[in-house]
Protein backbone atom coordinates (compact mmCIF):
# COMPACT_ATOMS: atom_id res chain seq x y z
CA MET A 1 -58.55 40.65 -14.96
CA LYS A 2 -57.31 37.19 -13.98
CA ILE A 3 -55.76 36.41 -10.62
CA GLN A 4 -54.48 33.28 -8.91
CA GLY A 5 -55.84 32.69 -5.46
CA ALA A 6 -58.04 30.66 -3.19
CA VAL A 7 -60.97 30.92 -0.84
CA VAL A 8 -60.31 28.78 2.21
CA LYS A 9 -62.54 27.76 5.11
CA GLU A 10 -60.63 26.56 8.13
CA GLN A 11 -61.87 26.31 11.72
CA ASN A 12 -65.05 28.26 10.84
CA VAL A 13 -63.07 31.14 9.31
CA THR A 14 -63.44 31.78 5.59
CA PHE A 15 -60.72 33.89 4.01
CA ALA A 16 -59.22 34.70 0.62
CA ILE A 17 -55.65 34.36 -0.60
CA VAL A 18 -54.35 36.29 -3.61
CA VAL A 19 -51.00 35.52 -5.26
CA VAL A 20 -49.03 38.71 -5.95
CA LYS A 21 -45.52 39.70 -6.97
CA LYS A 22 -43.03 39.84 -4.12
CA SER A 23 -42.65 43.61 -4.65
CA ALA A 24 -46.32 44.04 -3.69
CA MET A 25 -45.45 42.82 -0.19
CA GLN A 26 -42.04 44.43 0.38
CA THR A 27 -43.27 47.32 2.52
CA ASN A 28 -46.26 47.87 4.78
CA HIS A 29 -47.44 50.62 2.43
CA ALA A 30 -47.21 48.37 -0.64
CA SER A 31 -49.02 45.56 1.19
CA ALA A 32 -51.82 47.87 2.32
CA GLU A 33 -52.29 49.27 -1.19
CA THR A 34 -52.26 45.81 -2.75
CA ARG A 35 -54.72 44.42 -0.21
CA ALA A 36 -57.06 47.39 -0.73
CA SER A 37 -57.01 46.88 -4.49
CA PHE A 38 -58.09 43.23 -4.17
CA GLN A 39 -60.44 43.51 -1.18
CA ALA A 40 -63.42 44.55 -3.33
CA LEU A 41 -63.09 41.27 -5.23
CA PHE A 42 -63.58 39.28 -2.01
CA PRO A 43 -66.05 41.41 0.00
CA GLY A 44 -66.37 40.58 3.66
CA LEU A 45 -63.48 38.11 3.67
CA PRO A 46 -60.14 38.62 5.39
CA LEU A 47 -57.51 38.81 2.66
CA VAL A 48 -54.04 37.27 2.77
CA LEU A 49 -51.40 38.15 0.19
CA ALA A 50 -49.09 35.38 -1.01
CA SER A 51 -45.89 35.51 -3.03
CA GLN A 52 -43.27 32.95 -3.97
CA ASP A 53 -39.50 33.20 -3.80
CA LEU A 54 -37.17 31.80 -6.46
CA ARG A 55 -37.45 28.31 -4.95
CA GLY A 56 -41.24 28.39 -5.01
CA THR A 57 -41.60 28.80 -1.25
CA PHE A 58 -44.62 30.89 -0.30
CA GLU A 59 -44.52 33.91 1.97
CA TYR A 60 -47.79 35.24 3.36
CA GLN A 61 -48.85 38.66 4.59
CA GLY A 62 -52.11 39.43 6.36
CA ARG A 63 -53.95 38.62 9.55
CA LYS A 64 -51.51 36.98 11.96
CA ASP A 65 -53.57 33.87 12.77
CA LEU A 66 -54.22 33.19 9.08
CA VAL A 67 -50.57 33.71 8.13
CA GLU A 68 -49.45 31.35 10.90
CA PHE A 69 -51.94 28.72 9.75
CA LEU A 70 -50.85 28.98 6.10
CA ALA A 71 -47.17 28.85 7.06
CA SER A 72 -47.82 25.61 8.96
CA ILE A 73 -49.28 23.71 5.99
CA ASP A 74 -47.95 22.66 2.60
CA ALA A 75 -49.11 25.06 -0.13
CA SER A 76 -50.31 22.07 -2.16
CA ARG A 77 -53.19 21.72 0.33
CA ILE A 78 -54.53 25.15 -0.66
CA PRO A 79 -57.32 24.95 -3.27
CA TRP A 80 -55.65 27.30 -5.78
CA LYS A 81 -57.62 28.42 -8.80
CA GLU A 82 -57.72 31.17 -11.38
CA TYR A 83 -60.38 33.82 -10.83
CA THR A 84 -61.60 36.03 -13.66
CA PHE A 85 -63.12 39.42 -12.88
CA SER A 86 -64.41 41.96 -15.34
């Protein structure tokens, strides 16, 4: 399985971001299921879900302080990469 995401360390907090389809974040139930499915890939790290709208603008879902931080920066500052898990 390949996913797009990032592991970020900011202000002594290390957390993971996973890019998902917008539908995976449309309801609290969908977000919780999606987060649970990816959490095992990033054990011990808070997990933020990210999706893009048609204009490429990111929307984040997860821990409030992390979401607020991500919303305040340009997404180009995030060290995106492709992760491969078997």
